[in-house]
Amino acid sequence: MCVQGRCMPVGCDLKLGASTEVDECGVCGGNGTLCKRPAFIWAETPFSTCSVTCGGGTQESHPVCTSSETGEEVDGRLCSVESKPD
């Protein structure tokens, strides 16, 4: 903005002469730590029904990647491979 022939910066806080900027979270003057980043965690599926009705059968469960906010299953590539249960 120019005032009396002199150009001056205006920050996102609308203060003349300020250089305040919006961070990656959309916060004016923020430092990028207020973003709510989605978190993804491994969870086990419920056990399957038994493979046989009388002795010696097996039940299976396997890890799935889920959203920590919704609990819904998401693409496994969003979860850390290192923390995936066996």
N, C-alpha and C. Protein backbone atom coordinates (compact mmCIF):
# COMPACT_ATOMS: atom_id res chain seq x y z
N MET A 1 0.85 -1.15 0.00
CA MET A 1 0.00 0.00 0.00
C MET A 1 0.91 1.24 0.00
N CYS A 2 0.52 2.22 -0.74
CA CYS A 2 1.32 3.44 -0.80
C CYS A 2 0.67 4.54 0.04
N VAL A 3 1.48 5.15 0.90
CA VAL A 3 1.02 6.24 1.76
C VAL A 3 1.94 7.42 1.53
N GLN A 4 1.41 8.53 1.08
CA GLN A 4 2.17 9.75 0.79
C GLN A 4 3.37 9.45 -0.11
N GLY A 5 3.11 8.64 -1.15
CA GLY A 5 4.14 8.32 -2.13
C GLY A 5 5.14 7.27 -1.68
N ARG A 6 4.95 6.71 -0.52
CA ARG A 6 5.87 5.69 -0.01
C ARG A 6 5.12 4.36 0.11
N CYS A 7 5.66 3.33 -0.55
CA CYS A 7 5.02 2.01 -0.49
C CYS A 7 5.40 1.30 0.80
N MET A 8 4.39 0.76 1.47
CA MET A 8 4.60 0.06 2.74
C MET A 8 3.89 -1.29 2.69
N PRO A 9 4.50 -2.29 3.29
CA PRO A 9 3.84 -3.60 3.31
C PRO A 9 2.64 -3.59 4.26
N VAL A 10 1.71 -4.48 3.97
CA VAL A 10 0.56 -4.69 4.85
C VAL A 10 0.49 -6.19 5.11
N GLY A 11 0.53 -6.55 6.39
CA GLY A 11 0.49 -7.97 6.75
C GLY A 11 -0.92 -8.53 6.69
N CYS A 12 -1.02 -9.83 6.86
CA CYS A 12 -2.34 -10.46 6.87
C CYS A 12 -3.19 -9.98 8.04
N ASP A 13 -2.54 -9.39 9.04
CA ASP A 13 -3.26 -8.81 10.18
C ASP A 13 -3.77 -7.40 9.87
N LEU A 14 -3.56 -6.97 8.62
CA LEU A 14 -4.00 -5.67 8.11
C LEU A 14 -3.31 -4.49 8.77
N LYS A 15 -2.15 -4.72 9.37
CA LYS A 15 -1.38 -3.63 9.98
C LYS A 15 -0.39 -3.08 8.97
N LEU A 16 -0.42 -1.79 8.80
CA LEU A 16 0.47 -1.11 7.87
C LEU A 16 1.91 -1.23 8.37
N GLY A 17 2.80 -1.63 7.49
CA GLY A 17 4.21 -1.79 7.84
C GLY A 17 4.55 -3.16 8.38
N ALA A 18 3.55 -4.01 8.54
CA ALA A 18 3.78 -5.36 9.05
C ALA A 18 4.08 -6.32 7.91
N SER A 19 4.79 -7.38 8.22
CA SER A 19 5.07 -8.40 7.20
C SER A 19 4.48 -9.75 7.63
N THR A 20 3.50 -9.70 8.50
CA THR A 20 2.87 -10.92 9.00
C THR A 20 2.23 -11.68 7.85
N GLU A 21 2.48 -13.00 7.80
CA GLU A 21 1.95 -13.83 6.72
C GLU A 21 1.08 -14.95 7.28
N VAL A 22 0.28 -15.52 6.40
CA VAL A 22 -0.56 -16.66 6.74
C VAL A 22 0.30 -17.92 6.63
N ASP A 23 0.27 -18.77 7.67
CA ASP A 23 1.06 -20.00 7.63
C ASP A 23 0.33 -21.09 6.86
N GLU A 24 0.93 -22.29 6.78
CA GLU A 24 0.35 -23.38 6.00
C GLU A 24 -0.96 -23.90 6.58
N CYS A 25 -1.27 -23.51 7.83
CA CYS A 25 -2.54 -23.90 8.45
C CYS A 25 -3.64 -22.88 8.19
N GLY A 26 -3.27 -21.76 7.55
CA GLY A 26 -4.24 -20.71 7.29
C GLY A 26 -4.38 -19.72 8.43
N VAL A 27 -3.41 -19.74 9.37
CA VAL A 27 -3.45 -18.85 10.53
C VAL A 27 -2.55 -17.65 10.29
N CYS A 28 -3.11 -16.46 10.41
CA CYS A 28 -2.32 -15.24 10.24
C CYS A 28 -1.33 -15.13 11.38
N GLY A 29 -0.06 -15.07 11.06
CA GLY A 29 0.99 -14.97 12.07
C GLY A 29 1.29 -16.28 12.77
N GLY A 30 0.71 -17.36 12.29
CA GLY A 30 0.93 -18.67 12.91
C GLY A 30 2.28 -19.26 12.55
N ASN A 31 2.63 -20.32 13.26
CA ASN A 31 3.92 -20.97 13.00
C ASN A 31 3.76 -22.38 12.43
N GLY A 32 2.57 -22.72 11.98
CA GLY A 32 2.35 -24.01 11.35
C GLY A 32 2.07 -25.16 12.30
N THR A 33 1.90 -24.86 13.59
CA THR A 33 1.68 -25.94 14.55
C THR A 33 0.21 -26.14 14.92
N LEU A 34 -0.67 -25.29 14.42
CA LEU A 34 -2.08 -25.41 14.79
C LEU A 34 -2.90 -26.24 13.82
N CYS A 35 -2.28 -26.75 12.77
CA CYS A 35 -3.03 -27.57 11.82
C CYS A 35 -3.46 -28.87 12.48
N LYS A 36 -4.66 -29.27 12.20
CA LYS A 36 -5.11 -30.57 12.67
C LYS A 36 -4.82 -31.55 11.54
N ARG A 37 -3.73 -32.24 11.69
CA ARG A 37 -3.33 -33.19 10.66
C ARG A 37 -4.00 -34.53 10.93
N PRO A 38 -4.50 -35.16 9.90
CA PRO A 38 -5.14 -36.46 10.11
C PRO A 38 -4.12 -37.49 10.56
N ALA A 39 -4.53 -38.36 11.45
CA ALA A 39 -3.66 -39.43 11.92
C ALA A 39 -4.26 -40.76 11.49
N PHE A 40 -3.40 -41.66 11.12
CA PHE A 40 -3.84 -42.97 10.67
C PHE A 40 -3.13 -44.03 11.50
N ILE A 41 -3.90 -45.00 11.98
CA ILE A 41 -3.36 -46.03 12.86
C ILE A 41 -3.81 -47.41 12.40
N TRP A 42 -3.03 -48.41 12.78
CA TRP A 42 -3.39 -49.79 12.47
C TRP A 42 -4.39 -50.29 13.51
N ALA A 43 -5.38 -51.03 13.06
CA ALA A 43 -6.35 -51.67 13.94
C ALA A 43 -6.55 -53.10 13.44
N GLU A 44 -6.97 -53.97 14.32
CA GLU A 44 -7.23 -55.36 13.93
C GLU A 44 -8.70 -55.52 13.55
N THR A 45 -8.94 -56.30 12.52
CA THR A 45 -10.32 -56.61 12.15
C THR A 45 -10.87 -57.60 13.17
N PRO A 46 -12.18 -57.69 13.29
CA PRO A 46 -12.76 -58.71 14.18
C PRO A 46 -12.37 -60.10 13.67
N PHE A 47 -12.31 -61.06 14.59
CA PHE A 47 -11.97 -62.42 14.18
C PHE A 47 -13.05 -62.98 13.28
N SER A 48 -12.62 -63.76 12.30
CA SER A 48 -13.55 -64.42 11.39
C SER A 48 -14.24 -65.56 12.14
N THR A 49 -15.28 -66.11 11.54
CA THR A 49 -15.90 -67.28 12.14
C THR A 49 -14.94 -68.45 12.03
N CYS A 50 -15.13 -69.42 12.88
CA CYS A 50 -14.23 -70.58 12.91
C CYS A 50 -14.36 -71.36 11.60
N SER A 51 -13.22 -71.88 11.15
CA SER A 51 -13.19 -72.58 9.86
C SER A 51 -13.85 -73.95 9.92
N VAL A 52 -13.99 -74.51 11.09
CA VAL A 52 -14.70 -75.79 11.25
C VAL A 52 -15.63 -75.68 12.45
N THR A 53 -16.63 -76.56 12.50
CA THR A 53 -17.60 -76.47 13.59
C THR A 53 -17.21 -77.27 14.82
N CYS A 54 -16.23 -78.16 14.71
CA CYS A 54 -15.90 -79.00 15.86
C CYS A 54 -14.40 -79.24 15.97
N GLY A 55 -13.71 -78.45 16.75
CA GLY A 55 -12.30 -78.66 17.08
C GLY A 55 -11.33 -78.52 15.91
N GLY A 56 -10.17 -77.96 16.21
CA GLY A 56 -9.08 -77.89 15.24
C GLY A 56 -9.20 -76.79 14.19
N GLY A 57 -10.19 -75.97 14.27
CA GLY A 57 -10.36 -74.91 13.28
C GLY A 57 -9.51 -73.69 13.59
N THR A 58 -9.59 -72.72 12.73
CA THR A 58 -8.84 -71.47 12.93
C THR A 58 -9.77 -70.28 12.74
N GLN A 59 -9.38 -69.20 13.37
CA GLN A 59 -10.04 -67.92 13.17
C GLN A 59 -8.96 -66.94 12.77
N GLU A 60 -9.30 -65.99 11.93
CA GLU A 60 -8.31 -65.04 11.46
C GLU A 60 -8.74 -63.60 11.73
N SER A 61 -7.73 -62.77 11.93
CA SER A 61 -7.89 -61.33 12.06
C SER A 61 -6.70 -60.72 11.35
N HIS A 62 -6.87 -59.58 10.75
CA HIS A 62 -5.72 -58.96 10.09
C HIS A 62 -5.75 -57.44 10.31
N PRO A 63 -4.57 -56.82 10.25
CA PRO A 63 -4.51 -55.38 10.48
C PRO A 63 -5.05 -54.59 9.29
N VAL A 64 -5.75 -53.51 9.60
CA VAL A 64 -6.22 -52.57 8.58
C VAL A 64 -5.85 -51.17 9.03
N CYS A 65 -5.57 -50.31 8.07
CA CYS A 65 -5.24 -48.91 8.36
C CYS A 65 -6.55 -48.15 8.54
N THR A 66 -6.64 -47.39 9.64
CA THR A 66 -7.87 -46.65 9.92
C THR A 66 -7.58 -45.19 10.25
N SER A 67 -8.57 -44.36 10.06
CA SER A 67 -8.49 -42.95 10.45
C SER A 67 -8.73 -42.88 11.95
N SER A 68 -7.85 -42.20 12.68
CA SER A 68 -8.04 -42.07 14.12
C SER A 68 -9.23 -41.18 14.46
N GLU A 69 -9.66 -40.36 13.53
CA GLU A 69 -10.81 -39.48 13.76
C GLU A 69 -12.13 -40.20 13.57
N THR A 70 -12.23 -40.98 12.49
CA THR A 70 -13.51 -41.60 12.15
C THR A 70 -13.56 -43.09 12.44
N GLY A 71 -12.40 -43.73 12.55
CA GLY A 71 -12.35 -45.18 12.74
C GLY A 71 -12.58 -45.95 11.45
N GLU A 72 -12.79 -45.24 10.35
CA GLU A 72 -13.04 -45.91 9.08
C GLU A 72 -11.75 -46.42 8.46
N GLU A 73 -11.87 -47.52 7.73
CA GLU A 73 -10.72 -48.09 7.05
C GLU A 73 -10.30 -47.17 5.90
N VAL A 74 -8.98 -46.97 5.77
CA VAL A 74 -8.43 -46.14 4.70
C VAL A 74 -7.32 -46.92 4.00
N ASP A 75 -6.79 -46.36 2.95
CA ASP A 75 -5.71 -47.00 2.21
C ASP A 75 -4.53 -47.28 3.14
N GLY A 76 -4.03 -48.51 3.11
CA GLY A 76 -2.92 -48.93 3.97
C GLY A 76 -1.66 -48.12 3.80
N ARG A 77 -1.50 -47.45 2.68
CA ARG A 77 -0.29 -46.64 2.46
C ARG A 77 -0.26 -45.40 3.35
N LEU A 78 -1.40 -45.05 3.98
CA LEU A 78 -1.44 -43.89 4.86
C LEU A 78 -0.87 -44.20 6.25
N CYS A 79 -0.80 -45.48 6.61
CA CYS A 79 -0.26 -45.89 7.91
C CYS A 79 1.22 -46.22 7.79
N SER A 80 1.92 -46.11 8.90
CA SER A 80 3.34 -46.41 8.95
C SER A 80 3.57 -47.92 8.83
N VAL A 81 4.42 -48.31 7.91
CA VAL A 81 4.76 -49.73 7.73
C VAL A 81 5.44 -50.27 8.99
N GLU A 82 6.27 -49.43 9.63
CA GLU A 82 7.02 -49.87 10.81
C GLU A 82 6.11 -50.22 11.98
N SER A 83 4.94 -49.58 12.08
CA SER A 83 4.06 -49.84 13.21
C SER A 83 2.99 -50.89 12.92
N LYS A 84 3.03 -51.48 11.72
CA LYS A 84 2.01 -52.47 11.35
C LYS A 84 2.20 -53.74 12.16
N PRO A 85 1.13 -54.20 12.84
CA PRO A 85 1.24 -55.45 13.61
C PRO A 85 1.42 -56.65 12.68
N ASP A 86 2.03 -57.68 13.23
CA ASP A 86 2.24 -58.92 12.44
C ASP A 86 0.95 -59.67 12.26
